[in-house]
Protein backbone atom coordinates (compact mmCIF):
# COMPACT_ATOMS: atom_id res chain seq x y z
CA MET A 1 8.99 4.67 24.31
CA ALA A 2 12.90 4.14 24.59
CA ASP A 3 15.30 6.26 23.38
CA ILE A 4 16.29 6.35 19.71
CA SER A 5 19.88 7.30 19.00
CA CYS A 6 22.68 6.81 16.30
CA SER A 7 25.60 7.23 18.75
CA ASN A 8 28.03 4.59 18.98
CA GLY A 9 27.02 1.70 21.25
CA ILE A 10 23.41 2.97 22.01
CA ASN A 11 20.68 0.71 21.26
CA GLY A 12 17.41 2.49 20.97
CA VAL A 13 14.15 0.38 20.76
CA ASN A 14 10.76 2.08 20.30
CA GLY A 15 8.39 -0.64 21.66
CA LYS A 16 6.61 -0.57 18.11
CA GLY A 17 8.32 -3.55 16.53
CA TYR A 18 11.34 -1.64 15.12
CA SER A 19 14.64 -0.42 16.62
CA LEU A 20 17.39 2.02 15.47
CA ASN A 21 20.56 0.76 16.60
CA GLY A 22 23.84 2.81 17.30
CA TYR A 23 26.85 0.44 16.39
CA ARG A 24 30.45 1.40 15.39
CA LYS A 25 29.41 5.11 14.65
CA SER A 26 26.41 3.80 12.48
CA CYS A 27 22.90 3.80 12.51
CA TRP A 28 20.78 0.62 11.84
CA TYR A 29 17.04 0.11 11.30
CA GLU A 30 15.70 -3.00 12.60
CA GLU A 31 12.01 -4.15 12.01
CA GLU A 32 10.39 -6.95 13.68
CA ILE A 33 8.68 -8.97 10.73
CA GLU A 34 7.80 -12.17 12.71
CA GLU A 35 8.35 -13.18 16.57
CA ASN A 36 11.70 -14.90 15.53
CA LEU A 37 12.80 -12.94 12.66
CA ARG A 38 14.05 -9.56 12.32
CA TRP A 39 15.16 -7.41 9.36
CA CYS A 40 17.77 -4.46 9.60
CA PHE A 41 19.96 -2.14 7.45
CA ALA A 42 22.25 0.76 7.86
CA LEU A 43 21.01 4.37 8.04
CA ASN A 44 22.72 7.74 6.90
CA GLY A 45 20.34 9.43 9.49
CA ILE A 46 16.98 10.08 10.86
CA LEU A 47 15.02 12.56 8.83
CA HIS A 48 12.03 12.56 11.19
CA THR A 49 10.32 10.82 14.03
CA GLY A 50 6.82 11.65 15.78
CA HIS A 51 3.52 10.41 16.69
CA SER A 52 0.44 11.68 14.90
CA GLN A 53 -3.29 11.52 16.15
CA TYR A 54 -3.15 7.95 14.49
CA GLN A 55 0.20 6.75 14.08
CA ASP A 56 3.86 6.50 15.03
CA ILE A 57 5.88 7.95 12.03
CA ALA A 58 9.33 7.85 11.12
CA LEU A 59 11.15 8.95 7.84
CA LEU A 60 14.76 7.54 7.68
CA ASP A 61 17.55 8.07 5.23
CA THR A 62 18.77 4.25 4.61
CA LYS A 63 22.00 3.36 3.15
CA PRO A 64 20.73 0.49 0.93
CA PHE A 65 16.94 1.86 0.07
CA GLY A 66 17.31 5.83 0.19
CA LYS A 67 14.57 7.43 1.98
CA ALA A 68 12.05 5.27 3.71
CA LEU A 69 8.76 6.00 5.41
CA VAL A 70 8.11 3.82 8.43
CA ILE A 71 4.75 3.78 10.03
CA ASP A 72 3.87 2.03 13.43
CA GLY A 73 7.20 0.06 13.03
CA LYS A 74 6.37 -1.23 9.62
CA LEU A 75 8.48 0.08 6.47
CA GLN A 76 5.74 1.44 4.00
CA SER A 77 7.74 2.67 1.14
CA ALA A 78 11.47 3.10 0.25
CA GLU A 79 12.87 5.49 -2.24
CA THR A 80 15.08 2.86 -4.30
CA ASP A 81 12.00 0.30 -4.97
CA GLU A 82 8.75 1.81 -4.39
CA PHE A 83 8.17 2.15 -8.12
CA ILE A 84 7.74 -1.54 -7.90
CA TYR A 85 4.91 -1.39 -5.43
CA HIS A 86 3.24 1.67 -7.04
CA GLU A 87 3.49 0.51 -10.68
CA SER A 88 1.90 -2.88 -9.30
CA LEU A 89 -0.76 -0.98 -7.48
CA VAL A 90 -1.70 1.41 -10.14
CA HIS A 91 -1.29 0.11 -13.49
CA PRO A 92 -3.07 -3.25 -13.92
CA ALA A 93 -6.16 -1.44 -12.93
CA LEU A 94 -5.82 1.60 -15.08
CA LEU A 95 -4.99 -0.38 -18.19
CA HIS A 96 -7.83 -2.73 -17.87
CA HIS A 97 -10.24 -0.09 -17.51
CA PRO A 98 -11.79 1.06 -20.90
CA ASN A 99 -11.28 4.76 -20.22
CA PRO A 100 -10.10 5.49 -16.79
CA LYS A 101 -11.06 9.37 -16.21
CA ASN A 102 -11.65 9.87 -12.52
CA ILE A 103 -9.88 7.89 -9.65
CA PHE A 104 -10.20 7.67 -5.94
CA ILE A 105 -7.23 6.99 -3.63
CA MET A 106 -7.71 5.52 -0.15
CA GLY A 107 -4.65 6.48 1.67
CA GLY A 108 -1.73 7.20 -0.68
CA GLY A 109 -0.32 9.97 1.67
CA GLU A 110 3.30 9.91 0.22
CA GLY A 111 2.18 10.80 -3.27
CA SER A 112 3.58 8.03 -5.35
CA THR A 113 0.22 6.63 -6.36
CA ALA A 114 -1.02 10.00 -7.21
CA ARG A 115 2.23 10.27 -9.33
CA GLU A 116 1.71 7.21 -11.23
CA LEU A 117 -1.95 7.95 -11.80
CA LEU A 118 -1.34 11.41 -13.17
CA ARG A 119 1.14 10.09 -15.90
CA TYR A 120 -2.19 9.06 -17.64
CA LYS A 121 -3.21 11.33 -20.54
CA ALA A 122 -6.76 10.53 -20.05
CA VAL A 123 -7.20 10.81 -16.30
CA GLU A 124 -8.95 14.20 -15.45
CA LYS A 125 -9.29 14.06 -11.75
CA VAL A 126 -7.57 12.27 -9.02
CA VAL A 127 -8.99 12.59 -5.26
CA MET A 128 -6.46 11.46 -2.62
CA CYS A 129 -8.03 10.89 0.71
CA ASP A 130 -5.56 10.16 3.58
CA ILE A 131 -6.60 10.49 7.33
CA ASP A 132 -2.92 11.65 8.60
CA GLU A 133 -2.25 15.26 7.61
CA GLU A 134 1.22 14.89 9.15
CA VAL A 135 2.25 12.03 7.01
CA VAL A 136 1.08 13.95 4.03
CA ASP A 137 3.02 17.23 5.24
CA PHE A 138 6.37 15.60 5.79
CA CYS A 139 6.01 13.61 2.40
CA LYS A 140 5.32 16.69 0.51
CA SER A 141 8.56 18.34 2.18
CA TYR A 142 10.95 15.25 1.87
CA LEU A 143 9.96 13.02 -1.09
CA VAL A 144 11.24 15.38 -3.89
CA VAL A 145 10.10 12.81 -6.62
CA ASN A 146 6.31 13.52 -5.98
CA ARG A 147 6.18 17.12 -5.62
CA GLU A 148 5.26 17.61 -9.15
CA ALA A 149 2.30 15.27 -8.33
CA PHE A 150 1.25 17.29 -5.47
CA CYS A 151 1.13 20.45 -7.51
CA ASP A 152 -0.95 18.77 -10.19
CA PRO A 153 -4.38 20.75 -10.66
CA ARG A 154 -6.03 17.37 -11.25
CA LEU A 155 -5.04 16.14 -7.62
CA GLU A 156 -7.64 16.99 -5.02
CA LEU A 157 -6.02 16.20 -1.56
CA ILE A 158 -8.52 15.38 1.15
CA ILE A 159 -7.48 15.00 4.99
CA ASN A 160 -10.30 12.59 6.32
CA ASP A 161 -11.18 9.20 6.88
CA ALA A 162 -11.52 7.30 3.40
CA ARG A 163 -14.72 5.60 4.56
CA ALA A 164 -16.57 8.77 5.86
CA GLU A 165 -15.28 10.62 2.55
CA LEU A 166 -16.39 7.81 0.09
CA GLU A 167 -19.96 7.49 1.99
CA HIS A 168 -20.77 11.41 1.77
CA ARG A 169 -19.68 11.88 -1.87
CA GLU A 170 -22.13 11.58 -4.35
CA GLU A 171 -20.01 11.02 -7.44
CA GLN A 172 -18.98 7.36 -8.69
CA TYR A 173 -15.27 6.68 -9.81
CA ASP A 174 -13.87 4.74 -12.71
CA VAL A 175 -11.18 3.15 -10.39
CA ILE A 176 -11.00 3.19 -6.55
CA ILE A 177 -7.40 2.25 -5.35
CA GLY A 178 -6.66 1.23 -1.53
CA ASP A 179 -3.15 2.43 -0.97
CA LEU A 180 -3.58 1.88 2.82
CA ALA A 181 -1.22 0.96 5.51
CA ASP A 182 -1.32 -2.71 6.41
CA PRO A 183 -4.11 -4.22 8.67
CA ILE A 184 -2.46 -4.07 11.97
CA GLU A 185 -3.71 -4.59 15.50
CA GLY A 186 -4.49 -1.05 16.81
CA GLY A 187 -3.65 0.56 13.50
CA PRO A 188 -6.13 2.90 11.80
CA CYS A 189 -6.88 0.85 8.66
CA TYR A 190 -8.09 -2.62 9.09
CA LYS A 191 -11.72 -1.67 9.06
CA LEU A 192 -11.18 -0.74 5.46
CA TYR A 193 -10.30 -4.45 4.54
CA THR A 194 -13.82 -5.74 5.34
CA LYS A 195 -16.61 -7.24 3.51
CA SER A 196 -19.16 -4.69 4.32
CA PHE A 197 -16.83 -1.83 3.42
CA TYR A 198 -15.98 -3.48 0.13
CA GLU A 199 -19.88 -4.33 -0.33
CA PHE A 200 -21.50 -1.24 1.01
CA ILE A 201 -19.20 1.44 0.46
CA VAL A 202 -16.56 0.74 -2.35
CA LYS A 203 -18.68 -1.05 -4.66
CA PRO A 204 -21.72 1.51 -4.86
CA LYS A 205 -19.12 4.28 -5.93
CA LEU A 206 -17.75 2.28 -8.60
CA LYS A 207 -19.10 3.45 -12.19
CA GLN A 208 -20.14 0.72 -14.57
CA ASN A 209 -16.89 -1.12 -15.61
CA GLY A 210 -15.52 0.09 -12.39
CA ILE A 211 -12.29 -1.36 -10.87
CA PHE A 212 -11.16 -1.71 -7.37
CA VAL A 213 -7.65 -2.76 -6.45
CA THR A 214 -5.88 -2.91 -3.17
CA GLN A 215 -2.53 -3.62 -1.65
CA ALA A 216 -3.07 -6.81 0.43
CA GLY A 217 0.14 -7.49 2.51
CA PRO A 218 2.88 -9.87 2.26
CA ALA A 219 1.97 -12.72 -0.35
CA GLY A 220 5.08 -14.72 0.05
CA ILE A 221 4.97 -18.67 0.49
CA PHE A 222 4.89 -18.57 4.04
CA SER A 223 3.31 -15.11 4.69
CA HIS A 224 0.35 -15.05 2.27
CA THR A 225 -1.96 -16.66 5.04
CA GLU A 226 -1.60 -13.49 7.33
CA VAL A 227 -4.12 -11.31 5.58
CA PHE A 228 -3.45 -11.76 1.54
CA SER A 229 -5.57 -14.97 1.44
CA CYS A 230 -8.42 -13.61 3.22
CA ILE A 231 -8.61 -10.31 1.70
CA TYR A 232 -8.87 -12.26 -1.85
CA ASN A 233 -11.60 -14.35 -0.32
CA THR A 234 -13.61 -11.38 1.07
CA LEU A 235 -13.47 -9.60 -2.11
CA ARG A 236 -14.72 -12.90 -4.15
CA GLN A 237 -17.74 -12.58 -2.09
CA VAL A 238 -18.51 -9.07 -3.28
CA PHE A 239 -17.22 -9.06 -6.95
CA LYS A 240 -17.70 -11.44 -9.70
CA TYR A 241 -14.06 -11.26 -11.07
CA VAL A 242 -10.84 -11.13 -8.68
CA VAL A 243 -7.44 -11.33 -9.53
CA PRO A 244 -4.59 -11.59 -7.15
CA TYR A 245 -1.06 -11.01 -8.11
CA SER A 246 2.41 -10.48 -6.52
CA ALA A 247 5.95 -9.06 -6.86
CA HIS A 248 9.18 -9.08 -4.85
CA VAL A 249 9.86 -5.72 -3.10
CA PRO A 250 13.55 -5.93 -1.86
CA SER A 251 12.90 -3.50 1.07
CA TYR A 252 9.97 -5.08 2.31
CA ALA A 253 12.13 -8.48 2.60
CA ASP A 254 9.23 -10.59 1.30
CA THR A 255 6.83 -10.84 -1.85
CA TRP A 256 4.10 -8.33 -1.58
CA GLY A 257 0.42 -8.81 -2.78
CA TRP A 258 -2.27 -6.81 -4.72
CA ILE A 259 -5.87 -7.72 -5.55
CA MET A 260 -7.79 -6.23 -8.32
CA ALA A 261 -11.80 -6.83 -8.28
CA SER A 262 -14.60 -5.89 -10.78
CA ASP A 263 -17.78 -7.07 -11.97
CA THR A 264 -16.32 -6.83 -15.68
CA PRO A 265 -13.70 -9.49 -16.56
CA PHE A 266 -9.97 -9.04 -16.99
CA LEU A 267 -9.32 -10.30 -20.52
CA LEU A 268 -6.24 -8.25 -21.69
CA SER A 269 -3.32 -10.39 -22.85
CA ALA A 270 0.19 -9.19 -22.29
CA GLU A 271 0.79 -7.87 -25.96
CA GLU A 272 -2.56 -5.75 -25.32
CA LEU A 273 -1.26 -4.31 -22.10
CA ASP A 274 1.80 -3.00 -23.77
CA ILE A 275 -0.04 -1.20 -26.56
CA LYS A 276 -2.27 0.34 -23.88
CA ILE A 277 1.00 1.39 -22.03
CA LYS A 278 2.36 3.09 -25.25
CA GLN A 279 -1.17 4.74 -25.84
CA ARG A 280 -1.90 5.97 -22.35
CA ILE A 281 1.06 6.57 -20.24
CA LYS A 282 3.58 9.49 -20.48
CA GLY A 283 7.01 8.22 -19.82
CA GLU A 284 8.33 4.67 -19.59
CA ASN A 285 7.30 2.25 -16.51
CA ARG A 286 10.45 1.00 -14.65
CA TYR A 287 8.80 -2.28 -13.68
CA LEU A 288 5.39 -3.05 -14.96
CA ASP A 289 4.61 -4.29 -18.82
CA GLY A 290 2.60 -6.89 -20.17
CA LYS A 291 4.86 -9.91 -19.46
CA THR A 292 5.66 -8.69 -16.01
CA PHE A 293 2.00 -8.54 -14.91
CA SER A 294 1.13 -11.98 -16.74
CA SER A 295 4.01 -13.52 -14.65
CA ALA A 296 2.93 -11.54 -11.41
CA SER A 297 -0.75 -12.95 -11.70
CA THR A 298 0.72 -16.52 -11.98
CA LEU A 299 1.01 -17.42 -8.57
CA SER A 300 2.89 -20.39 -7.32
CA LYS A 301 1.27 -23.83 -6.63
CA ALA A 302 1.28 -23.40 -3.02
CA VAL A 303 -0.02 -19.97 -2.90
CA ARG A 304 -3.01 -20.74 -5.53
CA LYS A 305 -3.86 -23.81 -3.61
CA SER A 306 -4.20 -21.65 -0.28
CA LEU A 307 -6.12 -19.02 -1.87
CA ASP A 308 -8.64 -21.71 -3.38
CA ASN A 309 -9.17 -23.27 -0.18
CA GLU A 310 -9.57 -19.99 1.87
CA THR A 311 -13.09 -19.62 3.66
CA HIS A 312 -12.24 -16.63 6.03
CA VAL A 313 -14.29 -13.63 5.48
CA TYR A 314 -12.54 -10.41 6.79
CA THR A 315 -15.06 -8.63 9.00
CA GLU A 316 -14.45 -6.33 12.02
CA GLY A 317 -15.36 -8.99 14.29
CA THR A 318 -13.11 -11.61 12.57
CA ALA A 319 -10.09 -9.42 11.40
CA ARG A 320 -6.77 -10.98 10.66
CA PHE A 321 -3.75 -8.67 11.31
CA ILE A 322 0.01 -8.90 9.99
CA TYR A 323 2.56 -9.09 12.89
CA GLY A 324 2.90 -6.03 14.79
CA HIS A 325 0.79 -3.68 16.51
CA GLY A 326 -0.39 -0.03 15.91
CA SER A 327 0.09 2.80 18.24
CA ALA A 328 -3.43 2.45 19.58
CA TYR A 329 -2.90 -0.97 20.56
CA GLN A 330 0.13 0.14 22.34
CA GLN A 331 -1.46 2.80 24.36
CA ASN A 332 -4.29 0.60 25.54
CA GLN A 333 -1.72 -1.64 27.09
CA VAL A 334 -0.38 1.06 29.27
């Protein structure tokens, strides 16, 4: 790994698809989104960098987006707009479920998904299972907005592989949420996007009327064919009803996608969703309401056509990845 520095005139590139560039006494974060496309913004400083057993980690204080969590060279979450991502991930599934009481989060180490879940009056237990204790620990330390969630007695925090944890647990859940890192080559999470995982691990752990929802990577007009379309098609092989939806997340420099799946149909109108938001949730959502979800689940013509025609099924042997490489891949190249 090359030097990472904020000093004037120094350019540090870490070899994982992003760099921290010193110029005019200012720090810059730069992420390589595609081979010929990079995204950068100014930093106030670097709060943490390190390498855990599984991933390269950086916590940055950015000028436009506040504190930002970067894993394996990919920005995962930024303070000023993470509410878009997490409200979109959590609330559609929780609102469509008739009475969600116990939830299992795969990943979610920063605590924001748990925070949104614990706003529900009826939720009795949230199990958050993240593989990387170092990520969880420094998010506890630095992300003040989630400290209350980490202290909530309804939250059970487990450090383990989500697949292994789900396999050995006897209980079933009303909702299972995939708040996982993106599927990148050499990363720890791509096996949790496969048909076999959905069919033999996730689905049997859902109660009747249970709902599974996962983040599904970039869903823009050009980027949705990386993984979004094939994750959608893979879930269609396992569940009767599958709803893809998307939203623009400014710090990601793209539209992002989520997919919700169940063997029970999703029938709520925008008005019915708004009623349930008022009845079930403490406080007010900043982003998602009934009309917003109706809009989010109405994809563009090009994306709809692409999803309808997608035939690829995600397996360990036929995995697709978003652009970039995890630390395990990098180590194998040395």
